[in-house]
Amino acid sequence: MTAEPVLNAARPETERAELLVWIRETLHAEYGDRHLDPRREPMHELISTILSQRTTWQDEAAAYDELCKIGDWDAIIAAPTEAVAHAIRRSNYPEAKAPRIQETLRQIRDSPGGYNLEFLRDMPSKDALKWLTDLPGVGVKTASLVLLFNYAHPVFPVDTHVHRITTRVGAIPLMGEQAAHRALLKVLPSDPPFLYELHLNLLKHGQQVCHWSRPKCGVCILRERCDAFAVFGDKVPSFTDTKASGKGTKKKVQG
């Protein structure tokens, strides 16, 4: 009787670290270079990423543009919360995000640097993550995006696409997104350009191929080393429905 192969998720950290290097190289060949250059200024990155939670990038951009029509950051703080919620209505859960955005802006305004976040550049990554995640509505994903994208800190943002693909392939065992940030950093190189490119190419691969439901495994360039493909072939179930290990345990995966 042939023994079942050991899945990636059960392998030691050194082997999963090598797997992530292979994933980076394979995606690089498919999607190309990603140079670590800030795509927008830090406050824009921060507020837009708060808006992006459970929201498409088109609606995120529309919500940010409408929010800025209220005025500068001080004007947004001073505006009625209902007006802020209306401005960001294209973003999901605007009633919850509006007061958090206002309180986040208020705390930043009252901090020693005000709206200038340049002090984060030279702060140790652990301390910078804590400073940002102490703000209301700012989780580790948002904080990591700001620190990696704007200040080249060696942190790794885990969004729903990154979480889904790294779990399906088996770079990490099944766990929530919060825990995935820590688990992935343990097996990733401390190299901001590497982390930036891997994040963006995983995002693109998740949007184009490794969908949460009915992934296009037949054309997936990662399938030869993917746990989910090894277990399910081209019938990989929705990510919210079952583990890549094939045990059928249901778990709601946060986006």
C-alpha atoms as a PDB file:
ATOM      1  CA  MET A   1       0.000   0.000   0.000  1.00  0.00           C
ATOM      2  CA  THR A   2       1.461   3.336  -1.066  1.00  0.00           C
ATOM      3  CA  ALA A   3       1.851   5.846   1.756  1.00  0.00           C
ATOM      4  CA  GLU A   4       0.161   9.187   1.321  1.00  0.00           C
ATOM      5  CA  PRO A   5       2.627  11.976   0.497  1.00  0.00           C
ATOM      6  CA  VAL A   6       3.475  14.458   3.226  1.00  0.00           C
ATOM      7  CA  LEU A   7       1.722  17.726   2.461  1.00  0.00           C
ATOM      8  CA  ASN A   8       3.653  20.985   2.543  1.00  0.00           C
ATOM      9  CA  ALA A   9       1.710  22.267   5.538  1.00  0.00           C
ATOM     10  CA  ALA A  10       3.100  19.391   7.640  1.00  0.00           C
ATOM     11  CA  ARG A  11       6.713  19.918   6.564  1.00  0.00           C
ATOM     12  CA  PRO A  12       9.330  21.712   8.712  1.00  0.00           C
ATOM     13  CA  GLU A  13       9.786  25.466   8.489  1.00  0.00           C
ATOM     14  CA  THR A  14      12.979  25.179   6.436  1.00  0.00           C
ATOM     15  CA  GLU A  15      11.142  23.328   3.679  1.00  0.00           C
ATOM     16  CA  ARG A  16       8.216  25.732   3.726  1.00  0.00           C
ATOM     17  CA  ALA A  17      10.675  28.633   3.534  1.00  0.00           C
ATOM     18  CA  GLU A  18      12.132  27.069   0.382  1.00  0.00           C
ATOM     19  CA  LEU A  19       8.595  26.617  -0.966  1.00  0.00           C
ATOM     20  CA  LEU A  20       7.909  30.342  -0.554  1.00  0.00           C
ATOM     21  CA  VAL A  21      11.109  31.188  -2.432  1.00  0.00           C
ATOM     22  CA  TRP A  22       9.948  28.881  -5.239  1.00  0.00           C
ATOM     23  CA  ILE A  23       6.515  30.555  -5.226  1.00  0.00           C
ATOM     24  CA  ARG A  24       8.139  33.974  -5.487  1.00  0.00           C
ATOM     25  CA  GLU A  25      10.346  32.873  -8.389  1.00  0.00           C
ATOM     26  CA  THR A  26       7.468  31.139 -10.198  1.00  0.00           C
ATOM     27  CA  LEU A  27       5.151  34.134  -9.862  1.00  0.00           C
ATOM     28  CA  HIS A  28       7.985  36.475 -10.866  1.00  0.00           C
ATOM     29  CA  ALA A  29       8.388  34.557 -14.132  1.00  0.00           C
ATOM     30  CA  GLU A  30       4.648  34.893 -14.765  1.00  0.00           C
ATOM     31  CA  TYR A  31       3.909  38.437 -13.613  1.00  0.00           C
ATOM     32  CA  GLY A  32       7.257  40.210 -13.776  1.00  0.00           C
ATOM     33  CA  ASP A  33       9.178  42.674 -11.614  1.00  0.00           C
ATOM     34  CA  ARG A  34       7.561  44.660  -8.827  1.00  0.00           C
ATOM     35  CA  HIS A  35       9.767  47.514  -7.725  1.00  0.00           C
ATOM     36  CA  LEU A  36       9.357  48.729  -4.174  1.00  0.00           C
ATOM     37  CA  ASP A  37       8.223  52.302  -4.760  1.00  0.00           C
ATOM     38  CA  PRO A  38       5.470  53.965  -2.708  1.00  0.00           C
ATOM     39  CA  ARG A  39       2.254  53.979  -4.721  1.00  0.00           C
ATOM     40  CA  ARG A  40       0.719  56.803  -2.652  1.00  0.00           C
ATOM     41  CA  GLU A  41       1.630  58.992   0.318  1.00  0.00           C
ATOM     42  CA  PRO A  42       1.431  57.389   3.785  1.00  0.00           C
ATOM     43  CA  MET A  43      -1.798  58.969   5.072  1.00  0.00           C
ATOM     44  CA  HIS A  44      -3.521  58.096   1.791  1.00  0.00           C
ATOM     45  CA  GLU A  45      -2.257  54.510   2.099  1.00  0.00           C
ATOM     46  CA  LEU A  46      -3.450  54.256   5.680  1.00  0.00           C
ATOM     47  CA  ILE A  47      -6.972  55.604   5.171  1.00  0.00           C
ATOM     48  CA  SER A  48      -7.477  53.828   1.842  1.00  0.00           C
ATOM     49  CA  THR A  49      -6.475  50.507   3.372  1.00  0.00           C
ATOM     50  CA  ILE A  50      -9.014  50.982   6.169  1.00  0.00           C
ATOM     51  CA  LEU A  51     -11.619  51.635   3.474  1.00  0.00           C
ATOM     52  CA  SER A  52     -10.510  48.570   1.497  1.00  0.00           C
ATOM     53  CA  GLN A  53     -11.638  46.064   4.125  1.00  0.00           C
ATOM     54  CA  ARG A  54     -14.277  43.822   2.491  1.00  0.00           C
ATOM     55  CA  THR A  55     -14.379  46.211  -0.474  1.00  0.00           C
ATOM     56  CA  THR A  56     -13.230  46.104  -4.098  1.00  0.00           C
ATOM     57  CA  TRP A  57     -10.394  48.410  -5.095  1.00  0.00           C
ATOM     58  CA  GLN A  58     -12.747  50.369  -7.388  1.00  0.00           C
ATOM     59  CA  ASP A  59     -15.148  51.077  -4.513  1.00  0.00           C
ATOM     60  CA  GLU A  60     -12.238  51.798  -2.179  1.00  0.00           C
ATOM     61  CA  ALA A  61     -10.918  54.444  -4.590  1.00  0.00           C
ATOM     62  CA  ALA A  62     -14.377  55.964  -5.062  1.00  0.00           C
ATOM     63  CA  ALA A  63     -14.947  56.108  -1.305  1.00  0.00           C
ATOM     64  CA  TYR A  64     -11.583  57.774  -0.718  1.00  0.00           C
ATOM     65  CA  ASP A  65     -12.239  60.376  -3.411  1.00  0.00           C
ATOM     66  CA  GLU A  66     -15.636  61.207  -1.903  1.00  0.00           C
ATOM     67  CA  LEU A  67     -14.144  61.381   1.588  1.00  0.00           C
ATOM     68  CA  CYS A  68     -11.561  63.919   0.425  1.00  0.00           C
ATOM     69  CA  LYS A  69     -14.335  66.126  -0.936  1.00  0.00           C
ATOM     70  CA  ILE A  70     -15.253  66.877   2.677  1.00  0.00           C
ATOM     71  CA  GLY A  71     -11.930  68.699   3.002  1.00  0.00           C
ATOM     72  CA  ASP A  72      -8.561  68.071   4.639  1.00  0.00           C
ATOM     73  CA  TRP A  73      -8.022  65.675   7.540  1.00  0.00           C
ATOM     74  CA  ASP A  74      -9.068  68.312  10.085  1.00  0.00           C
ATOM     75  CA  ALA A  75     -12.306  68.885   8.193  1.00  0.00           C
ATOM     76  CA  ILE A  76     -13.040  65.151   8.138  1.00  0.00           C
ATOM     77  CA  ILE A  77     -12.500  64.973  11.904  1.00  0.00           C
ATOM     78  CA  ALA A  78     -14.873  67.911  12.429  1.00  0.00           C
ATOM     79  CA  ALA A  79     -17.573  66.663  10.048  1.00  0.00           C
ATOM     80  CA  PRO A  80     -20.682  64.882  11.359  1.00  0.00           C
ATOM     81  CA  THR A  81     -20.011  61.156  11.458  1.00  0.00           C
ATOM     82  CA  GLU A  82     -23.112  60.604   9.329  1.00  0.00           C
ATOM     83  CA  ALA A  83     -21.604  62.806   6.622  1.00  0.00           C
ATOM     84  CA  VAL A  84     -18.378  60.792   6.685  1.00  0.00           C
ATOM     85  CA  ALA A  85     -20.330  57.530   6.493  1.00  0.00           C
ATOM     86  CA  HIS A  86     -22.281  58.892   3.519  1.00  0.00           C
ATOM     87  CA  ALA A  87     -19.072  59.950   1.776  1.00  0.00           C
ATOM     88  CA  ILE A  88     -17.561  56.458   2.111  1.00  0.00           C
ATOM     89  CA  ARG A  89     -20.791  54.601   1.298  1.00  0.00           C
ATOM     90  CA  ARG A  90     -19.134  52.797  -1.630  1.00  0.00           C
ATOM     91  CA  SER A  91     -17.001  51.018   0.979  1.00  0.00           C
ATOM     92  CA  ASN A  92     -18.675  48.181   2.869  1.00  0.00           C
ATOM     93  CA  TYR A  93     -19.717  48.874   6.472  1.00  0.00           C
ATOM     94  CA  PRO A  94     -19.421  52.673   6.213  1.00  0.00           C
ATOM     95  CA  GLU A  95     -21.278  53.197   9.510  1.00  0.00           C
ATOM     96  CA  ALA A  96     -18.569  51.241  11.335  1.00  0.00           C
ATOM     97  CA  LYS A  97     -15.614  52.654   9.398  1.00  0.00           C
ATOM     98  CA  ALA A  98     -16.596  56.325   9.623  1.00  0.00           C
ATOM     99  CA  PRO A  99     -16.146  56.800  13.406  1.00  0.00           C
ATOM    100  CA  ARG A 100     -12.976  54.693  13.346  1.00  0.00           C
ATOM    101  CA  ILE A 101     -11.479  56.817  10.585  1.00  0.00           C
ATOM    102  CA  GLN A 102     -12.356  60.013  12.457  1.00  0.00           C
ATOM    103  CA  GLU A 103     -10.848  58.717  15.713  1.00  0.00           C
ATOM    104  CA  THR A 104      -7.753  57.440  13.898  1.00  0.00           C
ATOM    105  CA  LEU A 105      -7.256  60.849  12.305  1.00  0.00           C
ATOM    106  CA  ARG A 106      -7.841  62.542  15.650  1.00  0.00           C
ATOM    107  CA  GLN A 107      -5.199  60.428  17.388  1.00  0.00           C
ATOM    108  CA  ILE A 108      -2.694  60.980  14.574  1.00  0.00           C
ATOM    109  CA  ARG A 109      -3.358  64.738  14.604  1.00  0.00           C
ATOM    110  CA  ASP A 110      -2.703  64.850  18.347  1.00  0.00           C
ATOM    111  CA  SER A 111       0.483  62.760  18.165  1.00  0.00           C
ATOM    112  CA  PRO A 112       3.907  64.478  18.228  1.00  0.00           C
ATOM    113  CA  GLY A 113       4.374  64.225  14.460  1.00  0.00           C
ATOM    114  CA  GLY A 114       0.842  65.133  13.527  1.00  0.00           C
ATOM    115  CA  TYR A 115      -0.149  63.897  10.081  1.00  0.00           C
ATOM    116  CA  ASN A 116       3.504  63.423   9.114  1.00  0.00           C
ATOM    117  CA  LEU A 117       4.235  59.710   9.610  1.00  0.00           C
ATOM    118  CA  GLU A 118       7.896  59.863   8.593  1.00  0.00           C
ATOM    119  CA  PHE A 119       8.984  58.926  12.122  1.00  0.00           C
ATOM    120  CA  LEU A 120       7.803  55.383  11.314  1.00  0.00           C
ATOM    121  CA  ARG A 121      10.655  54.989   8.824  1.00  0.00           C
ATOM    122  CA  ASP A 122      13.357  54.724  11.480  1.00  0.00           C
ATOM    123  CA  MET A 123      11.265  53.098  14.196  1.00  0.00           C
ATOM    124  CA  PRO A 124      11.870  49.359  14.809  1.00  0.00           C
ATOM    125  CA  SER A 125       9.287  47.364  12.871  1.00  0.00           C
ATOM    126  CA  LYS A 126       7.784  45.814  15.994  1.00  0.00           C
ATOM    127  CA  ASP A 127       7.292  49.247  17.582  1.00  0.00           C
ATOM    128  CA  ALA A 128       5.952  50.751  14.349  1.00  0.00           C
ATOM    129  CA  LEU A 129       3.405  47.933  14.034  1.00  0.00           C
ATOM    130  CA  LYS A 130       2.293  48.506  17.605  1.00  0.00           C
ATOM    131  CA  TRP A 131       1.957  52.265  17.095  1.00  0.00           C
ATOM    132  CA  LEU A 132      -0.235  51.788  14.043  1.00  0.00           C
ATOM    133  CA  THR A 133      -2.328  48.902  15.381  1.00  0.00           C
ATOM    134  CA  ASP A 134      -3.085  50.920  18.510  1.00  0.00           C
ATOM    135  CA  LEU A 135      -5.116  53.202  16.231  1.00  0.00           C
ATOM    136  CA  PRO A 136      -8.825  52.321  15.969  1.00  0.00           C
ATOM    137  CA  GLY A 137      -9.699  50.393  12.845  1.00  0.00           C
ATOM    138  CA  VAL A 138      -6.054  49.638  12.013  1.00  0.00           C
ATOM    139  CA  GLY A 139      -5.223  45.948  12.031  1.00  0.00           C
ATOM    140  CA  VAL A 140      -1.951  44.228  11.312  1.00  0.00           C
ATOM    141  CA  LYS A 141      -2.700  44.014   7.566  1.00  0.00           C
ATOM    142  CA  THR A 142      -3.228  47.773   7.248  1.00  0.00           C
ATOM    143  CA  ALA A 143      -0.212  48.545   9.417  1.00  0.00           C
ATOM    144  CA  SER A 144       1.967  46.137   7.448  1.00  0.00           C
ATOM    145  CA  LEU A 145       0.911  47.660   4.127  1.00  0.00           C
ATOM    146  CA  VAL A 146       1.872  51.154   5.248  1.00  0.00           C
ATOM    147  CA  LEU A 147       5.188  50.020   6.717  1.00  0.00           C
ATOM    148  CA  LEU A 148       6.228  47.862   3.753  1.00  0.00           C
ATOM    149  CA  PHE A 149       4.894  49.990   0.904  1.00  0.00           C
ATOM    150  CA  ASN A 150       5.907  53.398   2.235  1.00  0.00           C
ATOM    151  CA  TYR A 151       8.888  52.732   4.496  1.00  0.00           C
ATOM    152  CA  ALA A 152      10.358  49.392   3.302  1.00  0.00           C
ATOM    153  CA  HIS A 153      10.009  47.667   6.663  1.00  0.00           C
ATOM    154  CA  PRO A 154      10.507  43.867   6.541  1.00  0.00           C
ATOM    155  CA  VAL A 155       6.847  43.040   7.245  1.00  0.00           C
ATOM    156  CA  PHE A 156       4.392  41.070   5.138  1.00  0.00           C
ATOM    157  CA  PRO A 157       0.763  42.143   4.634  1.00  0.00           C
ATOM    158  CA  VAL A 158      -1.616  39.189   4.535  1.00  0.00           C
ATOM    159  CA  ASP A 159      -4.830  40.000   2.702  1.00  0.00           C
ATOM    160  CA  THR A 160      -7.504  37.511   1.674  1.00  0.00           C
ATOM    161  CA  HIS A 161      -5.635  36.521  -1.516  1.00  0.00           C
ATOM    162  CA  VAL A 162      -2.277  36.012   0.201  1.00  0.00           C
ATOM    163  CA  HIS A 163      -3.951  34.057   2.995  1.00  0.00           C
ATOM    164  CA  ARG A 164      -5.912  31.837   0.617  1.00  0.00           C
ATOM    165  CA  ILE A 165      -3.015  30.941  -1.684  1.00  0.00           C
ATOM    166  CA  THR A 166      -0.392  30.345   0.997  1.00  0.00           C
ATOM    167  CA  THR A 167      -2.858  28.131   2.874  1.00  0.00           C
ATOM    168  CA  ARG A 168      -3.920  26.164  -0.197  1.00  0.00           C
ATOM    169  CA  VAL A 169      -0.337  25.604  -1.320  1.00  0.00           C
ATOM    170  CA  GLY A 170       0.629  24.657   2.223  1.00  0.00           C
ATOM    171  CA  ALA A 171       3.216  27.326   3.015  1.00  0.00           C
ATOM    172  CA  ILE A 172       1.327  27.638   6.302  1.00  0.00           C
ATOM    173  CA  PRO A 173      -1.233  25.387   8.013  1.00  0.00           C
ATOM    174  CA  LEU A 174      -4.828  26.573   8.150  1.00  0.00           C
ATOM    175  CA  MET A 175      -5.153  29.550  10.515  1.00  0.00           C
ATOM    176  CA  GLY A 176      -6.723  32.995  10.596  1.00  0.00           C
ATOM    177  CA  GLU A 177      -5.238  36.005   8.830  1.00  0.00           C
ATOM    178  CA  GLN A 178      -3.930  37.548  12.064  1.00  0.00           C
ATOM    179  CA  ALA A 179      -1.964  34.412  12.921  1.00  0.00           C
ATOM    180  CA  ALA A 180      -0.864  34.039   9.282  1.00  0.00           C
ATOM    181  CA  HIS A 181       1.121  37.303   9.482  1.00  0.00           C
ATOM    182  CA  ARG A 182       3.291  35.852  12.243  1.00  0.00           C
ATOM    183  CA  ALA A 183       3.537  32.372  10.710  1.00  0.00           C
ATOM    184  CA  LEU A 184       4.612  33.645   7.297  1.00  0.00           C
ATOM    185  CA  LEU A 185       7.186  36.079   8.675  1.00  0.00           C
ATOM    186  CA  LYS A 186       8.852  33.148  10.451  1.00  0.00           C
ATOM    187  CA  VAL A 187       9.558  31.444   7.107  1.00  0.00           C
ATOM    188  CA  LEU A 188      10.041  34.437   4.807  1.00  0.00           C
ATOM    189  CA  PRO A 189      13.331  36.263   4.242  1.00  0.00           C
ATOM    190  CA  SER A 190      13.699  39.641   5.936  1.00  0.00           C
ATOM    191  CA  ASP A 191      13.990  41.349   2.558  1.00  0.00           C
ATOM    192  CA  PRO A 192      11.495  44.154   1.821  1.00  0.00           C
ATOM    193  CA  PRO A 193      11.786  44.002  -2.019  1.00  0.00           C
ATOM    194  CA  PHE A 194      11.195  40.223  -1.873  1.00  0.00           C
ATOM    195  CA  LEU A 195       8.211  40.665   0.455  1.00  0.00           C
ATOM    196  CA  TYR A 196       6.736  43.475  -1.643  1.00  0.00           C
ATOM    197  CA  GLU A 197       6.965  41.542  -4.901  1.00  0.00           C
ATOM    198  CA  LEU A 198       5.601  38.342  -3.356  1.00  0.00           C
ATOM    199  CA  HIS A 199       2.656  40.202  -1.836  1.00  0.00           C
ATOM    200  CA  LEU A 200       1.680  41.917  -5.085  1.00  0.00           C
ATOM    201  CA  ASN A 201       2.113  38.824  -7.236  1.00  0.00           C
ATOM    202  CA  LEU A 202       0.118  36.659  -4.832  1.00  0.00           C
ATOM    203  CA  LEU A 203      -2.593  39.326  -4.977  1.00  0.00           C
ATOM    204  CA  LYS A 204      -2.598  39.208  -8.779  1.00  0.00           C
ATOM    205  CA  HIS A 205      -2.595  35.405  -8.834  1.00  0.00           C
ATOM    206  CA  GLY A 206      -5.504  35.336  -6.418  1.00  0.00           C
ATOM    207  CA  GLN A 207      -7.486  37.766  -8.547  1.00  0.00           C
ATOM    208  CA  GLN A 208      -6.789  35.970 -11.821  1.00  0.00           C
ATOM    209  CA  VAL A 209      -6.393  32.268 -11.001  1.00  0.00           C
ATOM    210  CA  CYS A 210      -6.659  31.114  -7.375  1.00  0.00           C
ATOM    211  CA  HIS A 211     -10.179  32.402  -6.704  1.00  0.00           C
ATOM    212  CA  TRP A 212     -11.883  31.638  -3.415  1.00  0.00           C
ATOM    213  CA  SER A 213     -14.485  29.630  -5.327  1.00  0.00           C
ATOM    214  CA  ARG A 214     -13.789  27.450  -8.385  1.00  0.00           C
ATOM    215  CA  PRO A 215     -10.056  28.241  -8.716  1.00  0.00           C
ATOM    216  CA  LYS A 216      -8.573  27.732 -12.167  1.00  0.00           C
ATOM    217  CA  CYS A 217      -6.282  24.885 -11.115  1.00  0.00           C
ATOM    218  CA  GLY A 218      -5.878  23.626 -14.679  1.00  0.00           C
ATOM    219  CA  VAL A 219      -3.874  26.724 -15.614  1.00  0.00           C
ATOM    220  CA  CYS A 220      -2.279  27.406 -12.217  1.00  0.00           C
ATOM    221  CA  ILE A 221       1.512  27.653 -12.332  1.00  0.00           C
ATOM    222  CA  LEU A 222       1.720  26.632  -8.655  1.00  0.00           C
ATOM    223  CA  ARG A 223      -0.287  23.421  -8.918  1.00  0.00           C
ATOM    224  CA  GLU A 224       2.717  21.051  -9.086  1.00  0.00           C
ATOM    225  CA  ARG A 225       3.577  21.930  -5.480  1.00  0.00           C
ATOM    226  CA  CYS A 226       0.112  22.790  -4.151  1.00  0.00           C
ATOM    227  CA  ASP A 227      -1.417  20.823  -1.271  1.00  0.00           C
ATOM    228  CA  ALA A 228      -4.972  21.579  -2.345  1.00  0.00           C
ATOM    229  CA  PHE A 229      -4.322  20.373  -5.897  1.00  0.00           C
ATOM    230  CA  ALA A 230      -2.601  17.240  -4.559  1.00  0.00           C
ATOM    231  CA  VAL A 231      -5.710  16.405  -2.511  1.00  0.00           C
ATOM    232  CA  PHE A 232      -8.529  17.585  -4.760  1.00  0.00           C
ATOM    233  CA  GLY A 233      -7.072  17.795  -8.263  1.00  0.00           C
ATOM    234  CA  ASP A 234      -8.974  20.325 -10.363  1.00  0.00           C
ATOM    235  CA  LYS A 235     -11.957  20.239  -7.987  1.00  0.00           C
ATOM    236  CA  VAL A 236     -10.539  22.334  -5.162  1.00  0.00           C
ATOM    237  CA  PRO A 237     -13.503  23.513  -3.049  1.00  0.00           C
ATOM    238  CA  SER A 238     -14.269  27.052  -1.989  1.00  0.00           C
ATOM    239  CA  PHE A 239     -11.711  28.270   0.513  1.00  0.00           C
ATOM    240  CA  THR A 240     -14.400  29.102   3.061  1.00  0.00           C
ATOM    241  CA  ASP A 241     -15.705  25.550   2.990  1.00  0.00           C
ATOM    242  CA  THR A 242     -12.845  23.205   3.694  1.00  0.00           C
ATOM    243  CA  LYS A 243      -9.200  22.806   4.617  1.00  0.00           C
ATOM    244  CA  ALA A 244      -6.508  22.182   2.042  1.00  0.00           C
ATOM    245  CA  SER A 245      -5.752  19.044   4.058  1.00  0.00           C
ATOM    246  CA  GLY A 246      -8.978  17.527   2.801  1.00  0.00           C
ATOM    247  CA  LYS A 247     -10.415  16.768   6.260  1.00  0.00           C
ATOM    248  CA  GLY A 248     -13.553  18.744   5.547  1.00  0.00           C
ATOM    249  CA  THR A 249     -13.429  20.970   8.606  1.00  0.00           C
ATOM    250  CA  LYS A 250     -15.503  24.060   8.000  1.00  0.00           C
ATOM    251  CA  LYS A 251     -14.087  27.401   8.977  1.00  0.00           C
ATOM    252  CA  LYS A 252     -15.027  30.921   8.118  1.00  0.00           C
ATOM    253  CA  VAL A 253     -12.027  32.702   6.631  1.00  0.00           C
ATOM    254  CA  GLN A 254     -11.946  36.430   7.257  1.00  0.00           C
ATOM    255  CA  GLY A 255     -11.196  38.696   4.292  1.00  0.00           C
END
